[in-house]
Protein backbone atom coordinates (compact mmCIF):
# COMPACT_ATOMS: atom_id res chain seq x y z
CA MET A 1 16.70 227.92 58.24
CA SER A 2 17.92 226.18 55.43
CA PRO A 3 19.95 222.74 56.30
CA ILE A 4 22.58 224.02 54.22
CA GLU A 5 23.95 227.47 54.06
CA GLN A 6 26.23 229.16 51.79
CA SER A 7 28.03 232.39 51.79
CA VAL A 8 27.96 234.61 48.74
CA SER A 9 31.78 233.60 48.48
CA ARG A 10 31.27 230.49 46.86
CA PRO A 11 33.02 228.97 44.02
CA ALA A 12 31.23 229.34 40.42
CA THR A 13 32.84 226.34 39.45
CA PRO A 14 33.11 222.26 40.67
CA PRO A 15 36.05 222.21 42.82
CA THR A 16 39.17 220.45 42.79
CA ARG A 17 39.46 219.93 46.14
CA ILE A 18 37.49 220.41 49.57
CA VAL A 19 38.76 221.15 52.71
CA LEU A 20 36.19 220.28 55.32
CA THR A 21 36.20 223.17 59.09
CA GLY A 22 34.64 222.76 62.22
CA PHE A 23 34.64 221.89 66.02
CA MET A 24 35.73 218.91 66.91
CA GLY A 25 32.84 216.15 66.97
CA SER A 26 31.67 217.68 63.87
CA GLY A 27 32.53 214.56 61.28
CA LYS A 28 35.58 216.04 59.29
CA THR A 29 37.55 212.48 59.36
CA THR A 30 34.72 210.21 59.19
CA VAL A 31 32.83 212.04 56.12
CA GLY A 32 36.10 212.77 54.16
CA PRO A 33 36.55 209.39 53.17
CA ILE A 34 32.87 208.66 52.45
CA ILE A 35 33.38 211.08 49.68
CA ALA A 36 36.92 210.46 49.10
CA ALA A 37 35.57 207.22 48.16
CA ARG A 38 32.77 208.36 46.45
CA LEU A 39 34.61 210.70 44.35
CA GLY A 40 37.97 208.71 43.48
CA TRP A 41 39.85 211.81 45.41
CA LYS A 42 42.37 210.93 47.75
CA PHE A 43 41.47 211.74 51.73
CA ILE A 44 44.06 213.50 53.74
CA ASP A 45 43.71 214.14 57.34
CA VAL A 46 46.05 217.16 58.32
CA ASP A 47 46.43 216.43 61.92
CA ASP A 48 48.05 212.74 60.86
CA VAL A 49 50.35 214.18 58.49
CA ILE A 50 51.33 216.43 61.45
CA GLU A 51 51.84 212.75 63.50
CA ALA A 52 53.54 211.26 60.64
CA GLU A 53 55.86 213.84 59.52
CA THR A 54 56.96 214.70 63.21
CA GLY A 55 56.46 211.33 64.95
CA THR A 56 54.87 212.86 67.96
CA ALA A 57 51.23 212.52 68.88
CA ILE A 58 49.36 216.00 68.71
CA ALA A 59 48.82 216.26 71.88
CA ASP A 60 52.41 215.70 72.94
CA ILE A 61 52.95 218.47 70.40
CA PHE A 62 51.07 220.84 72.09
CA ALA A 63 53.06 219.69 75.67
CA GLN A 64 56.02 219.93 74.42
CA HIS A 65 56.31 223.10 72.55
CA GLY A 66 52.55 224.74 72.98
CA GLU A 67 50.32 225.48 70.98
CA THR A 68 51.45 228.36 69.06
CA ALA A 69 54.30 226.47 68.20
CA PHE A 70 51.97 223.81 66.62
CA ARG A 71 49.57 226.15 64.60
CA ASP A 72 52.76 227.14 62.82
CA SER A 73 53.62 223.52 61.42
CA GLU A 74 49.94 222.91 60.72
CA HIS A 75 49.88 225.84 58.27
CA ALA A 76 53.14 224.99 56.50
CA THR A 77 51.37 221.45 56.00
CA ILE A 78 47.92 222.82 55.03
CA LEU A 79 49.76 225.36 52.70
CA ARG A 80 51.48 222.63 51.32
CA LEU A 81 48.60 220.35 50.60
CA ALA A 82 46.40 222.71 49.50
CA ALA A 83 48.40 222.52 46.06
CA GLN A 84 47.45 219.36 45.52
CA ASN A 85 43.96 218.16 43.42
CA SER A 86 41.37 215.85 43.68
CA LEU A 87 41.61 215.66 47.77
CA ILE A 88 39.63 216.09 50.34
CA LEU A 89 41.41 217.33 53.36
CA ALA A 90 40.14 217.44 56.90
CA LEU A 91 41.60 220.35 59.26
CA GLY A 92 41.84 219.85 62.74
CA GLY A 93 39.75 222.72 64.47
CA GLY A 94 42.08 225.21 65.57
CA ALA A 95 43.24 225.80 62.28
CA ILE A 96 40.32 228.07 61.20
CA GLU A 97 41.52 230.10 64.32
CA ARG A 98 44.59 231.32 61.77
CA ALA A 99 43.56 234.59 59.69
CA GLU A 100 46.61 233.18 57.00
CA THR A 101 45.49 229.97 56.59
CA ARG A 102 40.92 230.98 56.00
CA ASP A 103 42.65 233.11 53.67
CA LEU A 104 44.49 230.54 51.45
CA LEU A 105 41.22 228.43 51.77
CA LEU A 106 38.75 230.81 50.79
CA THR A 107 41.04 232.27 47.91
CA THR A 108 43.01 228.89 46.34
CA PRO A 109 41.38 228.84 42.89
CA GLY A 110 39.46 225.12 43.04
CA THR A 111 38.96 225.14 46.62
CA LEU A 112 35.97 224.48 48.48
CA LEU A 113 35.88 225.28 52.28
CA ILE A 114 32.57 223.42 53.77
CA HIS A 115 31.97 223.71 57.59
CA LEU A 116 30.79 221.12 59.28
CA GLU A 117 28.74 223.03 61.74
CA VAL A 118 27.65 220.79 64.93
CA LYS A 119 26.34 221.96 68.18
CA LEU A 120 28.98 221.66 71.07
CA ASP A 121 26.48 219.62 73.06
CA THR A 122 26.85 217.22 70.20
CA ALA A 123 30.50 217.52 69.86
CA LEU A 124 30.92 216.65 73.46
CA ALA A 125 29.04 213.51 73.19
CA ARG A 126 30.69 212.05 69.90
CA CYS A 127 33.99 212.58 71.98
CA GLY A 128 33.49 211.60 75.38
CA GLY A 129 36.44 209.77 76.19
CA THR A 130 38.76 210.55 73.51
CA GLU A 131 40.38 213.79 75.78
CA GLN A 132 43.86 212.27 75.62
CA THR A 133 43.82 212.85 72.07
CA ARG A 134 42.68 215.71 72.30
CA PRO A 135 43.94 218.79 73.81
CA VAL A 136 41.30 221.27 73.26
CA LEU A 137 38.70 218.82 74.84
CA ALA A 138 40.88 218.44 77.94
CA ASP A 139 40.92 221.85 78.59
CA ARG A 140 37.20 221.68 79.88
CA ALA A 141 37.25 225.26 81.66
CA ASN A 142 37.88 226.85 78.52
CA LEU A 143 36.08 224.87 75.81
CA ALA A 144 32.94 226.83 75.91
CA SER A 145 34.70 229.98 74.79
CA ARG A 146 36.82 228.35 72.81
CA TYR A 147 33.95 226.96 70.58
CA ASP A 148 32.21 230.17 70.57
CA ARG A 149 35.35 232.36 69.47
CA ARG A 150 36.04 229.78 66.55
CA LEU A 151 31.84 229.71 65.14
CA PRO A 152 31.97 232.69 63.79
CA LEU A 153 35.69 231.62 62.32
CA TYR A 154 33.97 228.72 60.88
CA ARG A 155 31.18 229.74 59.07
CA THR A 156 33.57 232.45 56.86
CA ALA A 157 33.63 229.28 55.04
CA HIS A 158 31.93 229.14 51.57
CA VAL A 159 29.67 226.82 52.96
CA SER A 160 27.83 225.86 56.77
CA ILE A 161 25.79 222.39 56.81
CA PRO A 162 23.95 221.68 60.25
CA VAL A 163 25.33 217.96 60.61
CA ASP A 164 23.75 217.29 64.38
CA ALA A 165 21.11 215.55 62.74
CA LEU A 166 22.76 213.64 59.64
CA THR A 167 24.19 210.45 59.68
CA PRO A 168 28.26 210.11 57.54
CA GLU A 169 26.58 209.25 54.44
CA GLN A 170 23.88 212.32 54.63
CA VAL A 171 26.66 214.23 54.85
CA ALA A 172 28.89 213.44 52.24
CA ASP A 173 25.61 213.65 50.29
CA ALA A 174 25.13 217.16 51.39
CA VAL A 175 29.11 218.20 50.91
CA LEU A 176 28.91 216.48 46.95
CA HIS A 177 25.31 218.44 45.74
CA THR A 178 27.24 221.69 47.29
CA ALA A 179 29.98 221.17 45.74
CA GLY A 180 28.21 220.24 42.44
CA LEU A 181 29.97 216.97 41.98
């Protein structure tokens, strides 16, 4: 198996924005700033934008309003941000579950959607101790089924990169190589 799995839908021209998706612990928020710094682009984490705009932590939004309300806000935020150029955008792990969000990211000209693929065991090891800030991680009973449900959706991205054995710098290298930048 190739370390980088490209789908046939990968855009032919270099992207003007790169969107990182994947399960929690895949490294989106760690790798995104590295890529942005190398390109001189801006890095934005969608969850950070939502927290800043609402003044509420993601876990509290889930608790107070439910996942559906959060996903509505998340989609609107992604829609707005996906219009910017010279941008590395890190999605929350569940953003890919909404069909409208997937379609937007797969079809918006200039957008390269990259899945940082991580095994569930690796994600759990990387995220241990963060249950208070990760509502999905706190729900251990449904965690494996959530991972299994999301994995095929992540793999609809233009590119999937297995990252379990890679350092953040190596992941950034793979992303930039894949993007042709």
